[in-house]
Amino acid sequence: MASQATFKSIKAVIPLLDRVLVQRFKPETKTATGIFLPASATSNPLPEATVIAVGPGAPNKDGTVIPTTVKAGDRVLLPGWGGNAIKVGEEEYFLFKDAEILAKIKE
């Protein structure tokens, strides 16, 4: 369940350390031919998301900051579980650790 935000814009959220703020793609509710899909067919979130913001990185054992592997605007593949949900208005965003992101999608 998402926590309701007390700020007006998602731009106010700046991830810390190796956290990555993403917005999942919404499943299509209508097919290309115009057929509306039932809610049960579109209830599962898609595993793809767009990166909104990233933290500066996390320090390793030696204290050197290791930057995140993704940047704002990247398309990524997410696991089916995890992440902390943040809701701003009607939009839902998620915070993941950089290591939890499965892949970067290049197209």
PDB file of N, CA and C in Angstrom:
ATOM      1  N   MET A   1       0.840  -1.178   0.000  1.00  0.00           N
ATOM      2  CA  MET A   1       0.000   0.000   0.000  1.00  0.00           C
ATOM      3  C   MET A   1       0.885   1.240   0.000  1.00  0.00           C
ATOM      4  N   ALA A   2       0.548   2.222  -0.797  1.00  0.00           N
ATOM      5  CA  ALA A   2       1.354   3.424  -0.949  1.00  0.00           C
ATOM      6  C   ALA A   2       1.052   4.413   0.167  1.00  0.00           C
ATOM      7  N   SER A   3       2.095   5.092   0.622  1.00  0.00           N
ATOM      8  CA  SER A   3       1.893   6.157   1.593  1.00  0.00           C
ATOM      9  C   SER A   3       1.534   7.427   0.818  1.00  0.00           C
ATOM     10  N   GLN A   4       0.583   8.186   1.357  1.00  0.00           N
ATOM     11  CA  GLN A   4       0.155   9.417   0.699  1.00  0.00           C
ATOM     12  C   GLN A   4       1.189  10.502   0.979  1.00  0.00           C
ATOM     13  N   ALA A   5       1.614  11.189  -0.026  1.00  0.00           N
ATOM     14  CA  ALA A   5       2.655  12.202   0.108  1.00  0.00           C
ATOM     15  C   ALA A   5       2.087  13.509   0.644  1.00  0.00           C
ATOM     16  N   THR A   6       2.939  14.266   1.339  1.00  0.00           N
ATOM     17  CA  THR A   6       2.543  15.571   1.858  1.00  0.00           C
ATOM     18  C   THR A   6       3.102  16.701   1.008  1.00  0.00           C
ATOM     19  N   PHE A   7       3.710  16.375  -0.129  1.00  0.00           N
ATOM     20  CA  PHE A   7       4.254  17.394  -1.021  1.00  0.00           C
ATOM     21  C   PHE A   7       3.424  17.425  -2.292  1.00  0.00           C
ATOM     22  N   LYS A   8       3.572  18.512  -3.053  1.00  0.00           N
ATOM     23  CA  LYS A   8       2.706  18.721  -4.215  1.00  0.00           C
ATOM     24  C   LYS A   8       3.244  18.125  -5.503  1.00  0.00           C
ATOM     25  N   SER A   9       4.548  17.941  -5.605  1.00  0.00           N
ATOM     26  CA  SER A   9       5.144  17.457  -6.846  1.00  0.00           C
ATOM     27  C   SER A   9       6.185  16.384  -6.544  1.00  0.00           C
ATOM     28  N   ILE A  10       6.283  15.420  -7.408  1.00  0.00           N
ATOM     29  CA  ILE A  10       7.275  14.354  -7.246  1.00  0.00           C
ATOM     30  C   ILE A  10       8.677  14.914  -7.420  1.00  0.00           C
ATOM     31  N   LYS A  11       8.821  16.071  -8.060  1.00  0.00           N
ATOM     32  CA  LYS A  11      10.128  16.711  -8.240  1.00  0.00           C
ATOM     33  C   LYS A  11      10.745  17.099  -6.898  1.00  0.00           C
ATOM     34  N   ALA A  12       9.932  17.165  -5.833  1.00  0.00           N
ATOM     35  CA  ALA A  12      10.438  17.498  -4.502  1.00  0.00           C
ATOM     36  C   ALA A  12      11.149  16.313  -3.854  1.00  0.00           C
ATOM     37  N   VAL A  13      11.009  15.108  -4.415  1.00  0.00           N
ATOM     38  CA  VAL A  13      11.627  13.911  -3.853  1.00  0.00           C
ATOM     39  C   VAL A  13      13.003  13.714  -4.484  1.00  0.00           C
ATOM     40  N   ILE A  14      14.033  13.715  -3.642  1.00  0.00           N
ATOM     41  CA  ILE A  14      15.398  13.471  -4.107  1.00  0.00           C
ATOM     42  C   ILE A  14      15.885  12.207  -3.404  1.00  0.00           C
ATOM     43  N   PRO A  15      16.078  11.117  -4.140  1.00  0.00           N
ATOM     44  CA  PRO A  15      16.521   9.863  -3.512  1.00  0.00           C
ATOM     45  C   PRO A  15      17.894  10.010  -2.852  1.00  0.00           C
ATOM     46  N   LEU A  16      18.091   9.285  -1.769  1.00  0.00           N
ATOM     47  CA  LEU A  16      19.369   9.280  -1.067  1.00  0.00           C
ATOM     48  C   LEU A  16      20.175   8.038  -1.426  1.00  0.00           C
ATOM     49  N   LEU A  17      21.484   8.132  -1.242  1.00  0.00           N
ATOM     50  CA  LEU A  17      22.413   7.024  -1.472  1.00  0.00           C
ATOM     51  C   LEU A  17      22.178   6.370  -2.826  1.00  0.00           C
ATOM     52  N   ASP A  18      21.944   5.045  -2.848  1.00  0.00           N
ATOM     53  CA  ASP A  18      21.787   4.330  -4.116  1.00  0.00           C
ATOM     54  C   ASP A  18      20.328   4.040  -4.437  1.00  0.00           C
ATOM     55  N   ARG A  19      19.436   4.892  -3.979  1.00  0.00           N
ATOM     56  CA  ARG A  19      18.013   4.716  -4.248  1.00  0.00           C
ATOM     57  C   ARG A  19      17.662   5.295  -5.623  1.00  0.00           C
ATOM     58  N   VAL A  20      16.659   4.680  -6.262  1.00  0.00           N
ATOM     59  CA  VAL A  20      16.207   5.095  -7.590  1.00  0.00           C
ATOM     60  C   VAL A  20      14.697   5.271  -7.540  1.00  0.00           C
ATOM     61  N   LEU A  21      14.200   6.430  -7.945  1.00  0.00           N
ATOM     62  CA  LEU A  21      12.768   6.720  -7.986  1.00  0.00           C
ATOM     63  C   LEU A  21      12.256   6.409  -9.387  1.00  0.00           C
ATOM     64  N   VAL A  22      11.256   5.525  -9.482  1.00  0.00           N
ATOM     65  CA  VAL A  22      10.722   5.122 -10.786  1.00  0.00           C
ATOM     66  C   VAL A  22       9.207   5.251 -10.810  1.00  0.00           C
ATOM     67  N   GLN A  23       8.672   5.320 -12.014  1.00  0.00           N
ATOM     68  CA  GLN A  23       7.226   5.256 -12.233  1.00  0.00           C
ATOM     69  C   GLN A  23       6.968   4.103 -13.188  1.00  0.00           C
ATOM     70  N   ARG A  24       6.189   3.134 -12.708  1.00  0.00           N
ATOM     71  CA  ARG A  24       5.868   1.958 -13.532  1.00  0.00           C
ATOM     72  C   ARG A  24       4.973   2.360 -14.703  1.00  0.00           C
ATOM     73  N   PHE A  25       5.136   1.629 -15.815  1.00  0.00           N
ATOM     74  CA  PHE A  25       4.243   1.827 -16.951  1.00  0.00           C
ATOM     75  C   PHE A  25       2.865   1.310 -16.578  1.00  0.00           C
ATOM     76  N   LYS A  26       1.860   1.997 -17.053  1.00  0.00           N
ATOM     77  CA  LYS A  26       0.494   1.560 -16.789  1.00  0.00           C
ATOM     78  C   LYS A  26       0.065   0.581 -17.870  1.00  0.00           C
ATOM     79  N   PRO A  27      -0.609  -0.512 -17.479  1.00  0.00           N
ATOM     80  CA  PRO A  27      -1.084  -1.451 -18.500  1.00  0.00           C
ATOM     81  C   PRO A  27      -2.160  -0.808 -19.368  1.00  0.00           C
ATOM     82  N   GLU A  28      -2.193  -1.194 -20.621  1.00  0.00           N
ATOM     83  CA  GLU A  28      -3.198  -0.677 -21.552  1.00  0.00           C
ATOM     84  C   GLU A  28      -4.582  -1.164 -21.137  1.00  0.00           C
ATOM     85  N   THR A  29      -5.562  -0.275 -21.196  1.00  0.00           N
ATOM     86  CA  THR A  29      -6.936  -0.661 -20.872  1.00  0.00           C
ATOM     87  C   THR A  29      -7.761  -0.898 -22.127  1.00  0.00           C
ATOM     88  N   LYS A  30      -7.146  -0.590 -23.284  1.00  0.00           N
ATOM     89  CA  LYS A  30      -7.854  -0.771 -24.549  1.00  0.00           C
ATOM     90  C   LYS A  30      -6.877  -1.341 -25.570  1.00  0.00           C
ATOM     91  N   THR A  31      -7.313  -2.294 -26.356  1.00  0.00           N
ATOM     92  CA  THR A  31      -6.460  -2.888 -27.378  1.00  0.00           C
ATOM     93  C   THR A  31      -6.363  -1.956 -28.587  1.00  0.00           C
ATOM     94  N   ALA A  32      -5.487  -2.284 -29.511  1.00  0.00           N
ATOM     95  CA  ALA A  32      -5.304  -1.471 -30.718  1.00  0.00           C
ATOM     96  C   ALA A  32      -6.570  -1.433 -31.570  1.00  0.00           C
ATOM     97  N   THR A  33      -7.396  -2.464 -31.456  1.00  0.00           N
ATOM     98  CA  THR A  33      -8.635  -2.506 -32.245  1.00  0.00           C
ATOM     99  C   THR A  33      -9.819  -1.863 -31.518  1.00  0.00           C
ATOM    100  N   GLY A  34      -9.571  -1.317 -30.305  1.00  0.00           N
ATOM    101  CA  GLY A  34     -10.619  -0.597 -29.597  1.00  0.00           C
ATOM    102  C   GLY A  34     -11.387  -1.404 -28.567  1.00  0.00           C
ATOM    103  N   ILE A  35     -10.981  -2.633 -28.312  1.00  0.00           N
ATOM    104  CA  ILE A  35     -11.676  -3.456 -27.323  1.00  0.00           C
ATOM    105  C   ILE A  35     -11.160  -3.090 -25.932  1.00  0.00           C
ATOM    106  N   PHE A  36     -12.087  -2.789 -25.009  1.00  0.00           N
ATOM    107  CA  PHE A  36     -11.706  -2.462 -23.644  1.00  0.00           C
ATOM    108  C   PHE A  36     -11.433  -3.739 -22.863  1.00  0.00           C
ATOM    109  N   LEU A  37     -10.307  -3.760 -22.146  1.00  0.00           N
ATOM    110  CA  LEU A  37      -9.923  -4.926 -21.355  1.00  0.00           C
ATOM    111  C   LEU A  37     -10.536  -4.833 -19.960  1.00  0.00           C
ATOM    112  N   PRO A  38     -10.954  -5.962 -19.377  1.00  0.00           N
ATOM    113  CA  PRO A  38     -11.510  -5.926 -18.022  1.00  0.00           C
ATOM    114  C   PRO A  38     -10.438  -5.572 -16.995  1.00  0.00           C
ATOM    115  N   ALA A  39     -10.852  -5.060 -15.851  1.00  0.00           N
ATOM    116  CA  ALA A  39      -9.916  -4.653 -14.803  1.00  0.00           C
ATOM    117  C   ALA A  39      -9.061  -5.819 -14.321  1.00  0.00           C
ATOM    118  N   SER A  40      -9.599  -7.028 -14.336  1.00  0.00           N
ATOM    119  CA  SER A  40      -8.841  -8.195 -13.880  1.00  0.00           C
ATOM    120  C   SER A  40      -7.654  -8.486 -14.803  1.00  0.00           C
ATOM    121  N   ALA A  41      -7.754  -8.116 -16.054  1.00  0.00           N
ATOM    122  CA  ALA A  41      -6.672  -8.362 -17.013  1.00  0.00           C
ATOM    123  C   ALA A  41      -5.577  -7.310 -16.917  1.00  0.00           C
ATOM    124  N   THR A  42      -5.880  -6.164 -16.317  1.00  0.00           N
ATOM    125  CA  THR A  42      -4.904  -5.073 -16.243  1.00  0.00           C
ATOM    126  C   THR A  42      -4.514  -4.743 -14.807  1.00  0.00           C
ATOM    127  N   SER A  43      -4.832  -5.625 -13.851  1.00  0.00           N
ATOM    128  CA  SER A  43      -4.570  -5.304 -12.443  1.00  0.00           C
ATOM    129  C   SER A  43      -3.101  -5.480 -12.058  1.00  0.00           C
ATOM    130  N   ASN A  44      -2.368  -6.372 -12.705  1.00  0.00           N
ATOM    131  CA  ASN A  44      -0.958  -6.575 -12.376  1.00  0.00           C
ATOM    132  C   ASN A  44      -0.119  -5.462 -12.990  1.00  0.00           C
ATOM    133  N   PRO A  45       0.782  -4.846 -12.188  1.00  0.00           N
ATOM    134  CA  PRO A  45       1.634  -3.801 -12.750  1.00  0.00           C
ATOM    135  C   PRO A  45       2.666  -4.403 -13.700  1.00  0.00           C
ATOM    136  N   LEU A  46       3.021  -3.642 -14.704  1.00  0.00           N
ATOM    137  CA  LEU A  46       4.034  -4.093 -15.654  1.00  0.00           C
ATOM    138  C   LEU A  46       5.408  -3.999 -15.006  1.00  0.00           C
ATOM    139  N   PRO A  47       6.322  -4.865 -15.387  1.00  0.00           N
ATOM    140  CA  PRO A  47       7.648  -4.850 -14.769  1.00  0.00           C
ATOM    141  C   PRO A  47       8.575  -3.765 -15.331  1.00  0.00           C
ATOM    142  N   GLU A  48       8.078  -2.942 -16.244  1.00  0.00           N
ATOM    143  CA  GLU A  48       8.893  -1.875 -16.815  1.00  0.00           C
ATOM    144  C   GLU A  48       8.551  -0.552 -16.151  1.00  0.00           C
ATOM    145  N   ALA A  49       9.559   0.323 -16.077  1.00  0.00           N
ATOM    146  CA  ALA A  49       9.346   1.635 -15.469  1.00  0.00           C
ATOM    147  C   ALA A  49      10.295   2.649 -16.079  1.00  0.00           C
ATOM    148  N   THR A  50       9.994   3.919 -15.848  1.00  0.00           N
ATOM    149  CA  THR A  50      10.861   5.016 -16.246  1.00  0.00           C
ATOM    150  C   THR A  50      11.513   5.578 -14.992  1.00  0.00           C
ATOM    151  N   VAL A  51      12.814   5.799 -15.050  1.00  0.00           N
ATOM    152  CA  VAL A  51      13.534   6.377 -13.923  1.00  0.00           C
ATOM    153  C   VAL A  51      13.229   7.870 -13.875  1.00  0.00           C
ATOM    154  N   ILE A  52      12.775   8.335 -12.708  1.00  0.00           N
ATOM    155  CA  ILE A  52      12.449   9.747 -12.516  1.00  0.00           C
ATOM    156  C   ILE A  52      13.633  10.497 -11.911  1.00  0.00           C
ATOM    157  N   ALA A  53      14.261   9.914 -10.884  1.00  0.00           N
ATOM    158  CA  ALA A  53      15.405  10.546 -10.216  1.00  0.00           C
ATOM    159  C   ALA A  53      16.267   9.465  -9.586  1.00  0.00           C
ATOM    160  N   VAL A  54      17.551   9.769  -9.395  1.00  0.00           N
ATOM    161  CA  VAL A  54      18.482   8.824  -8.762  1.00  0.00           C
ATOM    162  C   VAL A  54      19.276   9.534  -7.679  1.00  0.00           C
ATOM    163  N   GLY A  55      19.710   8.745  -6.694  1.00  0.00           N
ATOM    164  CA  GLY A  55      20.582   9.268  -5.652  1.00  0.00           C
ATOM    165  C   GLY A  55      22.017   9.335  -6.153  1.00  0.00           C
ATOM    166  N   PRO A  56      22.918   9.917  -5.349  1.00  0.00           N
ATOM    167  CA  PRO A  56      24.310  10.069  -5.773  1.00  0.00           C
ATOM    168  C   PRO A  56      25.108   8.777  -5.778  1.00  0.00           C
ATOM    169  N   GLY A  57      24.638   7.759  -5.070  1.00  0.00           N
ATOM    170  CA  GLY A  57      25.361   6.495  -4.979  1.00  0.00           C
ATOM    171  C   GLY A  57      25.636   6.165  -3.524  1.00  0.00           C
ATOM    172  N   ALA A  58      26.098   4.945  -3.292  1.00  0.00           N
ATOM    173  CA  ALA A  58      26.373   4.492  -1.929  1.00  0.00           C
ATOM    174  C   ALA A  58      27.873   4.257  -1.756  1.00  0.00           C
ATOM    175  N   PRO A  59      28.393   4.513  -0.551  1.00  0.00           N
ATOM    176  CA  PRO A  59      29.816   4.273  -0.324  1.00  0.00           C
ATOM    177  C   PRO A  59      30.119   2.776  -0.194  1.00  0.00           C
ATOM    178  N   ASN A  60      31.290   2.367  -0.681  1.00  0.00           N
ATOM    179  CA  ASN A  60      31.725   0.976  -0.513  1.00  0.00           C
ATOM    180  C   ASN A  60      32.511   0.864   0.796  1.00  0.00           C
ATOM    181  N   LYS A  61      33.171  -0.266   1.017  1.00  0.00           N
ATOM    182  CA  LYS A  61      33.915  -0.491   2.272  1.00  0.00           C
ATOM    183  C   LYS A  61      35.017   0.531   2.492  1.00  0.00           C
ATOM    184  N   ASP A  62      35.614   1.009   1.412  1.00  0.00           N
ATOM    185  CA  ASP A  62      36.711   1.971   1.517  1.00  0.00           C
ATOM    186  C   ASP A  62      36.221   3.414   1.645  1.00  0.00           C
ATOM    187  N   GLY A  63      34.923   3.627   1.543  1.00  0.00           N
ATOM    188  CA  GLY A  63      34.370   4.971   1.641  1.00  0.00           C
ATOM    189  C   GLY A  63      34.210   5.669   0.304  1.00  0.00           C
ATOM    190  N   THR A  64      34.602   5.025  -0.782  1.00  0.00           N
ATOM    191  CA  THR A  64      34.448   5.599  -2.117  1.00  0.00           C
ATOM    192  C   THR A  64      32.986   5.470  -2.547  1.00  0.00           C
ATOM    193  N   VAL A  65      32.410   6.560  -3.027  1.00  0.00           N
ATOM    194  CA  VAL A  65      31.009   6.541  -3.464  1.00  0.00           C
ATOM    195  C   VAL A  65      30.921   5.887  -4.837  1.00  0.00           C
ATOM    196  N   ILE A  66      30.121   4.820  -4.924  1.00  0.00           N
ATOM    197  CA  ILE A  66      29.884   4.121  -6.187  1.00  0.00           C
ATOM    198  C   ILE A  66      28.587   4.684  -6.779  1.00  0.00           C
ATOM    199  N   PRO A  67      28.654   5.361  -7.940  1.00  0.00           N
ATOM    200  CA  PRO A  67      27.439   5.954  -8.513  1.00  0.00           C
ATOM    201  C   PRO A  67      26.442   4.897  -8.965  1.00  0.00           C
ATOM    202  N   THR A  68      25.180   5.300  -9.080  1.00  0.00           N
ATOM    203  CA  THR A  68      24.137   4.391  -9.545  1.00  0.00           C
ATOM    204  C   THR A  68      24.361   4.055 -11.013  1.00  0.00           C
ATOM    205  N   THR A  69      23.824   2.919 -11.440  1.00  0.00           N
ATOM    206  CA  THR A  69      24.048   2.454 -12.808  1.00  0.00           C
ATOM    207  C   THR A  69      23.009   2.972 -13.797  1.00  0.00           C
ATOM    208  N   VAL A  70      21.979   3.652 -13.306  1.00  0.00           N
ATOM    209  CA  VAL A  70      20.946   4.210 -14.178  1.00  0.00           C
ATOM    210  C   VAL A  70      20.875   5.716 -13.965  1.00  0.00           C
ATOM    211  N   LYS A  71      20.235   6.404 -14.905  1.00  0.00           N
ATOM    212  CA  LYS A  71      20.059   7.851 -14.779  1.00  0.00           C
ATOM    213  C   LYS A  71      18.609   8.209 -15.096  1.00  0.00           C
ATOM    214  N   ALA A  72      18.204   9.409 -14.762  1.00  0.00           N
ATOM    215  CA  ALA A  72      16.838   9.862 -15.014  1.00  0.00           C
ATOM    216  C   ALA A  72      16.526   9.742 -16.500  1.00  0.00           C
ATOM    217  N   GLY A  73      15.345   9.210 -16.799  1.00  0.00           N
ATOM    218  CA  GLY A  73      14.916   9.035 -18.182  1.00  0.00           C
ATOM    219  C   GLY A  73      15.115   7.629 -18.712  1.00  0.00           C
ATOM    220  N   ASP A  74      15.942   6.816 -18.046  1.00  0.00           N
ATOM    221  CA  ASP A  74      16.174   5.437 -18.489  1.00  0.00           C
ATOM    222  C   ASP A  74      14.918   4.591 -18.309  1.00  0.00           C
ATOM    223  N   ARG A  75      14.744   3.608 -19.212  1.00  0.00           N
ATOM    224  CA  ARG A  75      13.708   2.578 -19.043  1.00  0.00           C
ATOM    225  C   ARG A  75      14.364   1.389 -18.389  1.00  0.00           C
ATOM    226  N   VAL A  76      13.723   0.852 -17.350  1.00  0.00           N
ATOM    227  CA  VAL A  76      14.318  -0.254 -16.602  1.00  0.00           C
ATOM    228  C   VAL A  76      13.320  -1.389 -16.425  1.00  0.00           C
ATOM    229  N   LEU A  77      13.865  -2.566 -16.149  1.00  0.00           N
ATOM    230  CA  LEU A  77      13.072  -3.756 -15.854  1.00  0.00           C
ATOM    231  C   LEU A  77      13.142  -3.981 -14.348  1.00  0.00           C
ATOM    232  N   LEU A  78      11.978  -4.100 -13.704  1.00  0.00           N
ATOM    233  CA  LEU A  78      11.902  -4.227 -12.252  1.00  0.00           C
ATOM    234  C   LEU A  78      11.501  -5.636 -11.843  1.00  0.00           C
ATOM    235  N   PRO A  79      11.838  -6.021 -10.607  1.00  0.00           N
ATOM    236  CA  PRO A  79      11.344  -7.301 -10.109  1.00  0.00           C
ATOM    237  C   PRO A  79       9.840  -7.203  -9.860  1.00  0.00           C
ATOM    238  N   GLY A  80       9.174  -8.334  -9.740  1.00  0.00           N
ATOM    239  CA  GLY A  80       7.734  -8.340  -9.518  1.00  0.00           C
ATOM    240  C   GLY A  80       7.337  -7.943  -8.112  1.00  0.00           C
ATOM    241  N   TRP A  81       8.294  -7.799  -7.219  1.00  0.00           N
ATOM    242  CA  TRP A  81       8.044  -7.459  -5.828  1.00  0.00           C
ATOM    243  C   TRP A  81       9.005  -6.358  -5.410  1.00  0.00           C
ATOM    244  N   GLY A  82       8.776  -5.790  -4.244  1.00  0.00           N
ATOM    245  CA  GLY A  82       9.717  -4.843  -3.662  1.00  0.00           C
ATOM    246  C   GLY A  82       9.434  -3.404  -4.013  1.00  0.00           C
ATOM    247  N   GLY A  83      10.306  -2.554  -3.539  1.00  0.00           N
ATOM    248  CA  GLY A  83      10.159  -1.122  -3.737  1.00  0.00           C
ATOM    249  C   GLY A  83       9.219  -0.520  -2.716  1.00  0.00           C
ATOM    250  N   ASN A  84       9.445   0.731  -2.387  1.00  0.00           N
ATOM    251  CA  ASN A  84       8.570   1.462  -1.481  1.00  0.00           C
ATOM    252  C   ASN A  84       7.701   2.392  -2.308  1.00  0.00           C
ATOM    253  N   ALA A  85       6.385   2.253  -2.159  1.00  0.00           N
ATOM    254  CA  ALA A  85       5.448   3.036  -2.958  1.00  0.00           C
ATOM    255  C   ALA A  85       5.247   4.422  -2.353  1.00  0.00           C
ATOM    256  N   ILE A  86       5.164   5.424  -3.230  1.00  0.00           N
ATOM    257  CA  ILE A  86       4.862   6.801  -2.845  1.00  0.00           C
ATOM    258  C   ILE A  86       3.761   7.276  -3.773  1.00  0.00           C
ATOM    259  N   LYS A  87       2.694   7.813  -3.213  1.00  0.00           N
ATOM    260  CA  LYS A  87       1.582   8.285  -4.031  1.00  0.00           C
ATOM    261  C   LYS A  87       1.507   9.802  -3.955  1.00  0.00           C
ATOM    262  N   VAL A  88       1.516  10.443  -5.115  1.00  0.00           N
ATOM    263  CA  VAL A  88       1.380  11.892  -5.218  1.00  0.00           C
ATOM    264  C   VAL A  88       0.154  12.149  -6.071  1.00  0.00           C
ATOM    265  N   GLY A  89      -0.917  12.624  -5.453  1.00  0.00           N
ATOM    266  CA  GLY A  89      -2.181  12.788  -6.164  1.00  0.00           C
ATOM    267  C   GLY A  89      -2.673  11.422  -6.594  1.00  0.00           C
ATOM    268  N   GLU A  90      -2.914  11.245  -7.878  1.00  0.00           N
ATOM    269  CA  GLU A  90      -3.360   9.955  -8.418  1.00  0.00           C
ATOM    270  C   GLU A  90      -2.202   9.117  -8.947  1.00  0.00           C
ATOM    271  N   GLU A  91      -1.021   9.693  -9.022  1.00  0.00           N
ATOM    272  CA  GLU A  91       0.148   8.994  -9.570  1.00  0.00           C
ATOM    273  C   GLU A  91       0.874   8.217  -8.483  1.00  0.00           C
ATOM    274  N   GLU A  92       1.394   7.019  -8.844  1.00  0.00           N
ATOM    275  CA  GLU A  92       2.130   6.192  -7.897  1.00  0.00           C
ATOM    276  C   GLU A  92       3.558   5.997  -8.397  1.00  0.00           C
ATOM    277  N   TYR A  93       4.507   6.197  -7.498  1.00  0.00           N
ATOM    278  CA  TYR A  93       5.930   6.066  -7.787  1.00  0.00           C
ATOM    279  C   TYR A  93       6.519   5.047  -6.819  1.00  0.00           C
ATOM    280  N   PHE A  94       7.724   4.548  -7.135  1.00  0.00           N
ATOM    281  CA  PHE A  94       8.370   3.552  -6.283  1.00  0.00           C
ATOM    282  C   PHE A  94       9.844   3.899  -6.110  1.00  0.00           C
ATOM    283  N   LEU A  95      10.359   3.636  -4.909  1.00  0.00           N
ATOM    284  CA  LEU A  95      11.780   3.767  -4.621  1.00  0.00           C
ATOM    285  C   LEU A  95      12.384   2.372  -4.536  1.00  0.00           C
ATOM    286  N   PHE A  96      13.395   2.114  -5.347  1.00  0.00           N
ATOM    287  CA  PHE A  96      14.116   0.849  -5.351  1.00  0.00           C
ATOM    288  C   PHE A  96      15.587   1.136  -5.073  1.00  0.00           C
ATOM    289  N   LYS A  97      16.298   0.160  -4.535  1.00  0.00           N
ATOM    290  CA  LYS A  97      17.752   0.244  -4.471  1.00  0.00           C
ATOM    291  C   LYS A  97      18.281  -0.032  -5.879  1.00  0.00           C
ATOM    292  N   ASP A  98      19.405   0.557  -6.197  1.00  0.00           N
ATOM    293  CA  ASP A  98      19.995   0.372  -7.520  1.00  0.00           C
ATOM    294  C   ASP A  98      20.238  -1.107  -7.813  1.00  0.00           C
ATOM    295  N   ALA A  99      20.663  -1.871  -6.817  1.00  0.00           N
ATOM    296  CA  ALA A  99      20.961  -3.291  -7.011  1.00  0.00           C
ATOM    297  C   ALA A  99      19.707  -4.124  -7.263  1.00  0.00           C
ATOM    298  N   GLU A 100      18.520  -3.620  -6.915  1.00  0.00           N
ATOM    299  CA  GLU A 100      17.271  -4.363  -7.130  1.00  0.00           C
ATOM    300  C   GLU A 100      16.776  -4.262  -8.561  1.00  0.00           C
ATOM    301  N   ILE A 101      17.239  -3.285  -9.307  1.00  0.00           N
ATOM    302  CA  ILE A 101      16.809  -3.117 -10.700  1.00  0.00           C
ATOM    303  C   ILE A 101      17.464  -4.209 -11.544  1.00  0.00           C
ATOM    304  N   LEU A 102      16.647  -4.922 -12.298  1.00  0.00           N
ATOM    305  CA  LEU A 102      17.123  -6.095 -13.030  1.00  0.00           C
ATOM    306  C   LEU A 102      17.901  -5.760 -14.293  1.00  0.00           C
ATOM    307  N   ALA A 103      17.433  -4.773 -15.044  1.00  0.00           N
ATOM    308  CA  ALA A 103      18.097  -4.454 -16.318  1.00  0.00           C
ATOM    309  C   ALA A 103      17.708  -3.065 -16.789  1.00  0.00           C
ATOM    310  N   LYS A 104      18.555  -2.518 -17.656  1.00  0.00           N
ATOM    311  CA  LYS A 104      18.266  -1.265 -18.345  1.00  0.00           C
ATOM    312  C   LYS A 104      17.796  -1.638 -19.741  1.00  0.00           C
ATOM    313  N   ILE A 105      16.720  -1.023 -20.221  1.00  0.00           N
ATOM    314  CA  ILE A 105      16.160  -1.344 -21.532  1.00  0.00           C
ATOM    315  C   ILE A 105      16.617  -0.270 -22.525  1.00  0.00           C
ATOM    316  N   LYS A 106      17.277  -0.712 -23.601  1.00  0.00           N
ATOM    317  CA  LYS A 106      17.730   0.216 -24.643  1.00  0.00           C
ATOM    318  C   LYS A 106      16.935  -0.033 -25.893  1.00  0.00           C
ATOM    319  N   GLU A 107      16.268   0.990 -26.396  1.00  0.00           N
ATOM    320  CA  GLU A 107      15.511   0.880 -27.657  1.00  0.00           C
ATOM    321  C   GLU A 107      15.692   2.138 -28.449  1.00  0.00           C
TER     322      GLU A 107
END
